[in-house]
Amino acid sequence: MQAINYHCPKCSNADYETGEMRAAGGFWSKIFNVQTRRFSTVTCTKCRYTEIYQAETSMLGNIFDIFTN
């Protein structure tokens, strides 16, 4: 991920960690345990406040999820 000029809106700390999480998008993806939605996270290292941003998903990534779950 790119370096960003981040300041926590809660405590004004400039240090952060980035991460990723995936979630099911609908009824069928929940039944087959396929995470079709991807999100990027930015977490303040001081107060642990976390912002979540929706990220792009790819068809190849979704297919890979089907075979690895």
N, C-alpha and C. Protein backbone atom coordinates (compact mmCIF):
# COMPACT_ATOMS: atom_id res chain seq x y z
N MET A 1 0.84 -1.17 0.00
CA MET A 1 0.00 0.00 0.00
C MET A 1 0.89 1.25 0.00
N GLN A 2 0.43 2.30 -0.59
CA GLN A 2 1.19 3.55 -0.64
C GLN A 2 1.29 4.20 0.73
N ALA A 3 2.39 4.91 0.95
CA ALA A 3 2.51 5.71 2.17
C ALA A 3 1.54 6.88 2.07
N ILE A 4 0.81 7.12 3.13
CA ILE A 4 -0.16 8.21 3.13
C ILE A 4 0.16 9.18 4.26
N ASN A 5 -0.27 10.40 4.09
CA ASN A 5 -0.11 11.41 5.12
C ASN A 5 -1.30 11.28 6.06
N TYR A 6 -1.17 10.42 7.05
CA TYR A 6 -2.29 10.08 7.94
C TYR A 6 -2.11 10.73 9.31
N HIS A 7 -3.18 11.29 9.82
CA HIS A 7 -3.27 11.75 11.20
C HIS A 7 -4.60 11.25 11.75
N CYS A 8 -4.54 10.55 12.85
CA CYS A 8 -5.73 9.97 13.46
C CYS A 8 -6.73 11.07 13.82
N PRO A 9 -7.99 10.93 13.44
CA PRO A 9 -8.99 11.95 13.77
C PRO A 9 -9.33 11.98 15.26
N LYS A 10 -8.99 10.93 16.00
CA LYS A 10 -9.29 10.88 17.44
C LYS A 10 -8.17 11.46 18.29
N CYS A 11 -6.90 11.06 18.01
CA CYS A 11 -5.80 11.46 18.89
C CYS A 11 -4.68 12.22 18.17
N SER A 12 -4.79 12.42 16.86
CA SER A 12 -3.81 13.15 16.03
C SER A 12 -2.46 12.46 15.89
N ASN A 13 -2.39 11.18 16.22
CA ASN A 13 -1.16 10.40 16.05
C ASN A 13 -0.90 10.21 14.56
N ALA A 14 0.37 10.20 14.15
CA ALA A 14 0.70 10.05 12.73
C ALA A 14 1.14 8.63 12.38
N ASP A 15 1.29 7.74 13.35
CA ASP A 15 1.71 6.36 13.09
C ASP A 15 0.49 5.47 12.90
N TYR A 16 0.57 4.60 11.91
CA TYR A 16 -0.57 3.75 11.58
C TYR A 16 -0.12 2.40 11.06
N GLU A 17 -1.03 1.45 11.04
CA GLU A 17 -0.83 0.13 10.44
C GLU A 17 -1.93 -0.06 9.40
N THR A 18 -1.62 -0.76 8.33
CA THR A 18 -2.63 -1.06 7.32
C THR A 18 -2.94 -2.55 7.34
N GLY A 19 -4.13 -2.90 6.90
CA GLY A 19 -4.52 -4.29 6.87
C GLY A 19 -5.61 -4.51 5.84
N GLU A 20 -6.12 -5.72 5.81
CA GLU A 20 -7.16 -6.08 4.85
C GLU A 20 -8.13 -7.03 5.52
N MET A 21 -9.39 -6.92 5.15
CA MET A 21 -10.39 -7.89 5.60
C MET A 21 -11.32 -8.20 4.44
N ARG A 22 -11.91 -9.37 4.49
CA ARG A 22 -12.85 -9.80 3.46
C ARG A 22 -14.16 -10.16 4.12
N ALA A 23 -15.25 -10.00 3.37
CA ALA A 23 -16.59 -10.29 3.89
C ALA A 23 -17.46 -10.89 2.79
N ALA A 24 -18.44 -11.67 3.21
CA ALA A 24 -19.40 -12.24 2.25
C ALA A 24 -20.32 -11.13 1.77
N GLY A 25 -20.73 -11.21 0.51
CA GLY A 25 -21.53 -10.14 -0.06
C GLY A 25 -23.01 -10.39 -0.14
N GLY A 26 -23.45 -11.61 -0.09
CA GLY A 26 -24.86 -11.89 -0.23
C GLY A 26 -25.22 -13.29 0.26
N PHE A 27 -26.44 -13.69 0.01
CA PHE A 27 -26.96 -14.97 0.51
C PHE A 27 -26.12 -16.15 0.06
N TRP A 28 -25.90 -16.28 -1.25
CA TRP A 28 -25.18 -17.45 -1.78
C TRP A 28 -23.71 -17.44 -1.38
N SER A 29 -23.11 -16.27 -1.32
CA SER A 29 -21.70 -16.24 -0.90
C SER A 29 -21.56 -16.60 0.58
N LYS A 30 -22.58 -16.31 1.39
CA LYS A 30 -22.55 -16.72 2.79
C LYS A 30 -22.69 -18.23 2.91
N ILE A 31 -23.59 -18.82 2.13
CA ILE A 31 -23.81 -20.27 2.19
C ILE A 31 -22.56 -21.03 1.77
N PHE A 32 -21.89 -20.57 0.70
CA PHE A 32 -20.70 -21.26 0.20
C PHE A 32 -19.41 -20.72 0.80
N ASN A 33 -19.51 -19.80 1.78
CA ASN A 33 -18.37 -19.22 2.48
C ASN A 33 -17.36 -18.60 1.52
N VAL A 34 -17.86 -17.77 0.60
CA VAL A 34 -17.01 -17.06 -0.35
C VAL A 34 -17.05 -15.58 0.01
N GLN A 35 -15.89 -15.00 0.27
CA GLN A 35 -15.81 -13.59 0.63
C GLN A 35 -15.62 -12.77 -0.64
N THR A 36 -16.69 -12.16 -1.12
CA THR A 36 -16.63 -11.44 -2.39
C THR A 36 -16.36 -9.95 -2.22
N ARG A 37 -16.37 -9.46 -1.00
CA ARG A 37 -16.09 -8.04 -0.76
C ARG A 37 -14.78 -7.90 -0.01
N ARG A 38 -13.97 -6.93 -0.44
CA ARG A 38 -12.66 -6.72 0.16
C ARG A 38 -12.57 -5.29 0.69
N PHE A 39 -11.97 -5.14 1.85
CA PHE A 39 -11.82 -3.83 2.48
C PHE A 39 -10.38 -3.63 2.94
N SER A 40 -9.89 -2.41 2.83
CA SER A 40 -8.59 -2.03 3.36
C SER A 40 -8.82 -1.29 4.67
N THR A 41 -7.93 -1.51 5.65
CA THR A 41 -8.07 -0.84 6.94
C THR A 41 -6.83 -0.01 7.25
N VAL A 42 -7.04 1.08 7.96
CA VAL A 42 -5.96 1.92 8.47
C VAL A 42 -6.23 2.06 9.97
N THR A 43 -5.28 1.60 10.80
CA THR A 43 -5.45 1.59 12.24
C THR A 43 -4.39 2.45 12.92
N CYS A 44 -4.81 3.35 13.77
CA CYS A 44 -3.90 4.18 14.56
C CYS A 44 -3.16 3.28 15.55
N THR A 45 -1.83 3.42 15.65
CA THR A 45 -1.05 2.58 16.55
C THR A 45 -1.17 3.01 18.01
N LYS A 46 -1.66 4.21 18.26
CA LYS A 46 -1.78 4.71 19.64
C LYS A 46 -3.13 4.36 20.26
N CYS A 47 -4.22 4.79 19.64
CA CYS A 47 -5.55 4.58 20.24
C CYS A 47 -6.33 3.43 19.59
N ARG A 48 -5.79 2.83 18.52
CA ARG A 48 -6.37 1.69 17.80
C ARG A 48 -7.65 2.04 17.04
N TYR A 49 -7.93 3.32 16.82
CA TYR A 49 -9.07 3.74 15.98
C TYR A 49 -8.82 3.20 14.57
N THR A 50 -9.84 2.60 13.95
CA THR A 50 -9.69 1.97 12.64
C THR A 50 -10.68 2.55 11.64
N GLU A 51 -10.16 2.90 10.47
CA GLU A 51 -10.99 3.35 9.36
C GLU A 51 -11.01 2.23 8.33
N ILE A 52 -12.17 1.99 7.72
CA ILE A 52 -12.34 0.91 6.75
C ILE A 52 -12.73 1.51 5.41
N TYR A 53 -12.04 1.07 4.34
CA TYR A 53 -12.30 1.55 3.00
C TYR A 53 -12.57 0.36 2.09
N GLN A 54 -13.60 0.47 1.24
CA GLN A 54 -13.91 -0.59 0.30
C GLN A 54 -12.84 -0.63 -0.78
N ALA A 55 -12.36 -1.83 -1.11
CA ALA A 55 -11.30 -2.00 -2.10
C ALA A 55 -11.83 -2.77 -3.30
N GLU A 56 -11.08 -2.71 -4.38
CA GLU A 56 -11.43 -3.44 -5.60
C GLU A 56 -11.25 -4.94 -5.39
N THR A 57 -12.13 -5.74 -5.98
CA THR A 57 -11.97 -7.20 -5.97
C THR A 57 -11.78 -7.66 -7.39
N SER A 58 -11.18 -8.82 -7.54
CA SER A 58 -10.97 -9.37 -8.88
C SER A 58 -11.68 -10.70 -9.01
N MET A 59 -12.05 -11.05 -10.20
CA MET A 59 -12.71 -12.32 -10.46
C MET A 59 -11.77 -13.48 -10.10
N LEU A 60 -10.48 -13.34 -10.40
CA LEU A 60 -9.51 -14.39 -10.09
C LEU A 60 -9.43 -14.60 -8.57
N GLY A 61 -9.43 -13.52 -7.80
CA GLY A 61 -9.42 -13.64 -6.34
C GLY A 61 -10.65 -14.34 -5.80
N ASN A 62 -11.81 -14.04 -6.38
CA ASN A 62 -13.06 -14.70 -5.97
C ASN A 62 -13.03 -16.19 -6.30
N ILE A 63 -12.51 -16.55 -7.45
CA ILE A 63 -12.40 -17.96 -7.84
C ILE A 63 -11.44 -18.69 -6.92
N PHE A 64 -10.32 -18.04 -6.59
CA PHE A 64 -9.34 -18.64 -5.67
C PHE A 64 -9.98 -18.90 -4.32
N ASP A 65 -10.83 -17.97 -3.83
CA ASP A 65 -11.53 -18.15 -2.56
C ASP A 65 -12.41 -19.38 -2.57
N ILE A 66 -13.08 -19.66 -3.69
CA ILE A 66 -13.97 -20.81 -3.78
C ILE A 66 -13.19 -22.10 -3.55
N PHE A 67 -11.99 -22.22 -4.13
CA PHE A 67 -11.22 -23.45 -4.04
C PHE A 67 -10.39 -23.56 -2.77
N THR A 68 -10.20 -22.48 -2.04
CA THR A 68 -9.38 -22.55 -0.83
C THR A 68 -10.21 -22.62 0.45
N ASN A 69 -11.51 -22.46 0.37
CA ASN A 69 -12.34 -22.50 1.59
C ASN A 69 -12.76 -23.87 1.91
